[in-house]
Amino acid sequence: MFPALGEEKSSPLFFVTLNMKNLTKDISVFVDESGTLDADKSASRFYFVCMVFHDQRQDITNNLRNVENAFMNMGLPGNLCVHAGPLIRREKEYARLSREERRGIFNRMVGFLRQTDISYVCFKVDKARLGNSQRIHDPLLHSMIGFLIAKANLFTSYDALKVYYDNGQAELTKLLKEAFAIFSSRTSFIPAVEPSHYRLFQAADVICTLELARAKLDTPEGLSLSEMTFFGGIKNLKKNYLKLLDRKQLK
């Protein structure tokens, strides 16, 4: 039996699911980041921004129920909020869990990704190749705008683009608003986003974490010891996790 991982909420999680009365064609954009936008690479060499896309006409109620049931079968709250980084490093609320237990939580989120009709894109900045924060901001903004322009036919086919970000980094909030300004008449930013309320936001966090691991494979330092142990080695990381991401990328 798992130790308690925080108080279980009395109300259900607020997820984006199909509403048959809603005849509009909306797409959700869940955004998460890894690293910091400052130029100092001592804490984080890479900076990632992940966007997970979900057509709100696609009902994911069963997928949400499946992952909740899986958590409860493990002795966990069904509405457990998954934070991939601390989970891998055995930090915070996961400090008392074994590697097998933590990997079980992670794998159920990966199973949710596998079963759910979503796509994603990740934007990466390698600070080792850049000089200052302004030079981080500019290429990141250009990459985002370039992607949105390239996919303009897709995004303009929707009545509304609903962007979900927890405003964890004010600089990224500003950057997102700059990038999505090209769809200003269609885009709305959802206020007061709580990661614990949206499983798809947690999915973006998992993807960000896996993309960071992928990037580390091409560096002299490679994966950290905690990452190597958690994923069971590089071969297992590629086979059981990164191959799935390759199928989910919006290209």
Protein backbone atom coordinates (compact mmCIF):
# COMPACT_ATOMS: atom_id res chain seq x y z
CA MET A 1 0.00 0.00 0.00
CA PHE A 2 1.26 3.45 -0.87
CA PRO A 3 1.69 6.14 1.77
CA ALA A 4 -0.75 9.03 1.46
CA LEU A 5 0.27 11.51 -1.23
CA GLY A 6 -1.76 14.47 -0.10
CA GLU A 7 -5.38 15.07 0.63
CA GLU A 8 -7.89 13.71 -1.85
CA LYS A 9 -10.17 16.36 -3.29
CA SER A 10 -13.86 15.99 -2.61
CA SER A 11 -14.81 17.31 -6.02
CA PRO A 12 -13.84 15.71 -9.36
CA LEU A 13 -10.99 17.09 -11.43
CA PHE A 14 -11.93 19.69 -14.01
CA PHE A 15 -10.96 18.18 -17.33
CA VAL A 16 -11.74 19.27 -20.87
CA THR A 17 -14.23 16.72 -22.16
CA LEU A 18 -16.84 16.55 -24.88
CA ASN A 19 -19.93 18.69 -24.45
CA MET A 20 -22.60 17.58 -26.89
CA LYS A 21 -24.45 20.88 -26.48
CA ASN A 22 -21.39 22.83 -27.55
CA LEU A 23 -21.48 23.07 -31.33
CA THR A 24 -18.32 25.17 -31.62
CA LYS A 25 -15.11 23.65 -32.90
CA ASP A 26 -12.52 24.38 -30.21
CA ILE A 27 -8.96 23.18 -29.67
CA SER A 28 -7.22 23.16 -26.29
CA VAL A 29 -3.53 24.02 -26.04
CA PHE A 30 -1.94 22.87 -22.78
CA VAL A 31 1.47 24.47 -22.20
CA ASP A 32 4.24 23.42 -19.83
CA GLU A 33 7.91 24.30 -19.62
CA SER A 34 11.15 22.79 -18.37
CA GLY A 35 14.06 24.94 -17.22
CA THR A 36 14.36 28.70 -16.97
CA LEU A 37 14.51 31.49 -19.53
CA ASP A 38 17.59 33.10 -17.98
CA ALA A 39 20.91 32.62 -19.74
CA ASP A 40 22.59 30.81 -16.82
CA LYS A 41 22.88 27.17 -17.83
CA SER A 42 24.30 25.95 -14.52
CA ALA A 43 20.83 24.92 -13.31
CA SER A 44 19.34 23.94 -16.67
CA ARG A 45 21.20 23.84 -19.96
CA PHE A 46 18.02 23.26 -21.95
CA TYR A 47 14.80 25.21 -21.98
CA PHE A 48 11.71 23.46 -23.31
CA VAL A 49 8.19 24.65 -24.02
CA CYS A 50 5.70 21.88 -24.75
CA MET A 51 2.25 22.42 -26.27
CA VAL A 52 -0.27 19.59 -26.14
CA PHE A 53 -3.23 19.90 -28.53
CA HIS A 54 -6.65 18.38 -27.96
CA ASP A 55 -9.69 18.79 -30.19
CA GLN A 56 -12.47 19.29 -27.64
CA ARG A 57 -14.91 17.35 -29.80
CA GLN A 58 -12.90 14.21 -28.98
CA ASP A 59 -14.38 12.72 -25.82
CA ILE A 60 -11.64 11.51 -23.46
CA THR A 61 -13.89 10.71 -20.50
CA ASN A 62 -13.10 6.98 -20.59
CA ASN A 63 -9.36 7.65 -20.82
CA LEU A 64 -9.56 9.90 -17.76
CA ARG A 65 -11.57 7.32 -15.88
CA ASN A 66 -9.07 4.59 -16.79
CA VAL A 67 -6.08 6.46 -15.38
CA GLU A 68 -8.01 7.41 -12.25
CA ASN A 69 -9.04 3.78 -11.69
CA ALA A 70 -5.46 2.68 -12.27
CA PHE A 71 -4.23 5.05 -9.58
CA MET A 72 -6.90 3.91 -7.14
CA ASN A 73 -5.97 0.26 -7.80
CA MET A 74 -2.45 1.22 -6.72
CA GLY A 75 -3.79 2.60 -3.44
CA LEU A 76 -3.52 6.21 -4.60
CA PRO A 77 -6.08 9.02 -4.89
CA GLY A 78 -7.77 8.83 -8.27
CA ASN A 79 -7.16 12.54 -8.77
CA LEU A 80 -3.43 12.27 -8.05
CA CYS A 81 -1.56 15.16 -9.66
CA VAL A 82 1.55 13.82 -11.39
CA HIS A 83 4.75 15.91 -11.35
CA ALA A 84 7.22 14.00 -13.51
CA GLY A 85 10.49 15.63 -12.40
CA PRO A 86 10.06 15.07 -8.64
CA LEU A 87 8.63 11.63 -9.40
CA ILE A 88 11.83 10.60 -11.20
CA ARG A 89 14.15 12.20 -8.62
CA ARG A 90 12.18 10.78 -5.67
CA GLU A 91 11.51 14.23 -4.25
CA LYS A 92 8.73 15.97 -2.32
CA GLU A 93 5.56 13.87 -2.04
CA TYR A 94 7.26 10.91 -3.75
CA ALA A 95 10.20 10.65 -1.32
CA ARG A 96 8.79 7.59 0.45
CA LEU A 97 7.95 5.64 -2.70
CA SER A 98 10.12 2.94 -4.22
CA ARG A 99 11.38 3.09 -7.78
CA GLU A 100 8.83 0.48 -8.85
CA GLU A 101 5.98 2.45 -7.32
CA ARG A 102 7.11 5.71 -8.88
CA ARG A 103 7.63 4.07 -12.24
CA GLY A 104 4.12 2.60 -11.96
CA ILE A 105 2.66 6.10 -11.60
CA PHE A 106 4.70 7.38 -14.54
CA ASN A 107 3.78 4.42 -16.75
CA ARG A 108 0.08 4.94 -16.14
CA MET A 109 0.43 8.52 -17.34
CA VAL A 110 2.31 7.24 -20.38
CA GLY A 111 -0.54 4.79 -20.95
CA PHE A 112 -2.95 7.72 -20.82
CA LEU A 113 -0.86 9.48 -23.48
CA ARG A 114 -0.87 6.35 -25.64
CA GLN A 115 -4.66 5.95 -25.51
CA THR A 116 -5.65 9.60 -25.87
CA ASP A 117 -6.13 11.38 -29.19
CA ILE A 118 -3.72 14.26 -28.70
CA SER A 119 -0.69 15.68 -30.48
CA TYR A 120 2.12 17.91 -29.33
CA VAL A 121 5.05 20.08 -30.30
CA CYS A 122 8.12 20.93 -28.23
CA PHE A 123 10.32 24.00 -28.67
CA LYS A 124 13.90 23.63 -27.44
CA VAL A 125 16.63 26.14 -26.66
CA ASP A 126 20.16 24.97 -25.92
CA LYS A 127 21.68 27.68 -23.72
CA ALA A 128 25.18 26.40 -24.48
CA ARG A 129 24.76 27.89 -27.96
CA LEU A 130 23.30 31.22 -26.85
CA GLY A 131 24.59 34.20 -24.94
CA ASN A 132 21.90 36.01 -22.97
CA SER A 133 18.24 35.95 -22.02
CA GLN A 134 17.23 38.20 -24.91
CA ARG A 135 18.82 35.75 -27.34
CA ILE A 136 16.84 32.97 -25.67
CA HIS A 137 13.55 34.86 -25.98
CA ASP A 138 13.94 35.80 -29.64
CA PRO A 139 14.69 32.38 -31.22
CA LEU A 140 12.01 30.79 -29.05
CA LEU A 141 9.43 33.33 -30.17
CA HIS A 142 10.46 32.95 -33.80
CA SER A 143 10.17 29.16 -33.56
CA MET A 144 6.69 29.39 -32.07
CA ILE A 145 5.45 31.90 -34.62
CA GLY A 146 7.00 29.89 -37.46
CA PHE A 147 5.22 26.76 -36.27
CA LEU A 148 1.86 28.52 -35.86
CA ILE A 149 2.14 30.08 -39.32
CA ALA A 150 3.07 26.71 -40.85
CA LYS A 151 -0.02 25.17 -39.20
CA ALA A 152 -2.29 28.15 -39.88
CA ASN A 153 -4.68 26.10 -42.01
CA LEU A 154 -5.17 23.72 -39.11
CA PHE A 155 -5.61 26.32 -36.39
CA THR A 156 -7.84 28.64 -38.41
CA SER A 157 -10.19 25.70 -38.99
CA TYR A 158 -11.15 25.99 -35.31
CA ASP A 159 -13.56 28.53 -33.93
CA ALA A 160 -11.46 29.01 -30.80
CA LEU A 161 -7.97 28.22 -29.50
CA LYS A 162 -8.00 27.88 -25.71
CA VAL A 163 -4.55 28.17 -24.17
CA TYR A 164 -4.02 26.63 -20.72
CA TYR A 165 -0.90 27.74 -18.84
CA ASP A 166 -0.41 28.11 -15.10
CA ASN A 167 1.55 31.37 -15.45
CA GLY A 168 4.46 29.76 -13.62
CA GLN A 169 6.88 31.97 -15.53
CA ALA A 170 5.79 35.51 -16.33
CA GLU A 171 8.27 35.70 -19.21
CA LEU A 172 6.72 32.64 -20.85
CA THR A 173 3.20 33.97 -20.35
CA LYS A 174 4.21 37.13 -22.23
CA LEU A 175 5.96 35.09 -24.93
CA LEU A 176 2.88 32.91 -25.48
CA LYS A 177 0.66 35.95 -25.87
CA GLU A 178 3.10 37.39 -28.40
CA ALA A 179 3.16 34.16 -30.41
CA PHE A 180 -0.61 33.52 -30.40
CA ALA A 181 -1.30 37.14 -31.33
CA ILE A 182 -1.39 35.98 -34.95
CA PHE A 183 -4.67 34.24 -34.02
CA SER A 184 -5.79 37.01 -31.66
CA SER A 185 -9.45 36.89 -32.66
CA ARG A 186 -9.63 33.14 -31.97
CA THR A 187 -7.32 32.75 -28.97
CA SER A 188 -8.28 32.96 -25.32
CA PHE A 189 -6.05 32.35 -22.32
CA ILE A 190 -7.76 30.37 -19.57
CA PRO A 191 -7.22 32.15 -16.22
CA ALA A 192 -6.11 30.56 -12.93
CA VAL A 193 -5.04 27.24 -14.41
CA GLU A 194 -4.24 24.67 -11.71
CA PRO A 195 -2.17 21.68 -12.95
CA SER A 196 -4.02 19.41 -10.51
CA HIS A 197 -7.28 20.15 -12.33
CA TYR A 198 -6.17 19.08 -15.81
CA ARG A 199 -4.76 15.67 -16.67
CA LEU A 200 -3.74 16.99 -20.09
CA PHE A 201 -1.63 19.66 -18.39
CA GLN A 202 0.10 16.87 -16.49
CA ALA A 203 0.55 15.06 -19.81
CA ALA A 204 2.42 18.11 -21.12
CA ASP A 205 4.67 17.91 -18.06
CA VAL A 206 5.43 14.24 -18.78
CA ILE A 207 6.23 15.01 -22.42
CA CYS A 208 8.52 17.89 -21.41
CA THR A 209 10.39 15.58 -19.05
CA LEU A 210 10.84 12.90 -21.71
CA GLU A 211 11.97 15.43 -24.33
CA LEU A 212 14.54 16.74 -21.85
CA ALA A 213 15.82 13.20 -21.37
CA ARG A 214 16.03 12.81 -25.16
CA ALA A 215 18.08 16.02 -25.44
CA LYS A 216 20.47 14.85 -22.73
CA LEU A 217 21.30 11.73 -24.74
CA ASP A 218 23.20 13.94 -27.20
CA THR A 219 25.33 15.65 -24.55
CA PRO A 220 28.62 14.48 -23.01
CA GLU A 221 26.96 14.41 -19.58
CA GLY A 222 24.08 12.20 -20.71
CA LEU A 223 21.28 11.21 -18.37
CA SER A 224 21.53 11.78 -14.64
CA LEU A 225 21.90 8.76 -12.37
CA SER A 226 18.29 9.13 -11.18
CA GLU A 227 17.05 9.26 -14.80
CA MET A 228 19.16 6.28 -15.86
CA THR A 229 17.89 4.25 -12.90
CA PHE A 230 14.27 5.30 -13.29
CA PHE A 231 14.02 4.60 -17.03
CA GLY A 232 16.03 1.39 -16.83
CA GLY A 233 18.75 2.53 -19.20
CA ILE A 234 18.95 4.27 -22.56
CA LYS A 235 17.62 1.35 -24.62
CA ASN A 236 14.53 1.09 -22.46
CA LEU A 237 13.98 4.86 -22.56
CA LYS A 238 14.01 4.86 -26.35
CA LYS A 239 11.89 1.74 -26.79
CA ASN A 240 9.18 2.28 -24.18
CA TYR A 241 8.90 6.06 -24.06
CA LEU A 242 10.51 8.03 -26.88
CA LYS A 243 8.99 5.89 -29.65
CA LEU A 244 5.54 6.83 -28.34
CA LEU A 245 6.43 10.52 -28.45
CA ASP A 246 7.54 10.18 -32.06
CA ARG A 247 4.01 9.02 -32.94
CA LYS A 248 2.34 11.88 -31.07
CA GLN A 249 4.31 14.79 -32.51
CA LEU A 250 2.39 17.27 -34.64
CA LYS A 251 4.57 17.57 -37.70
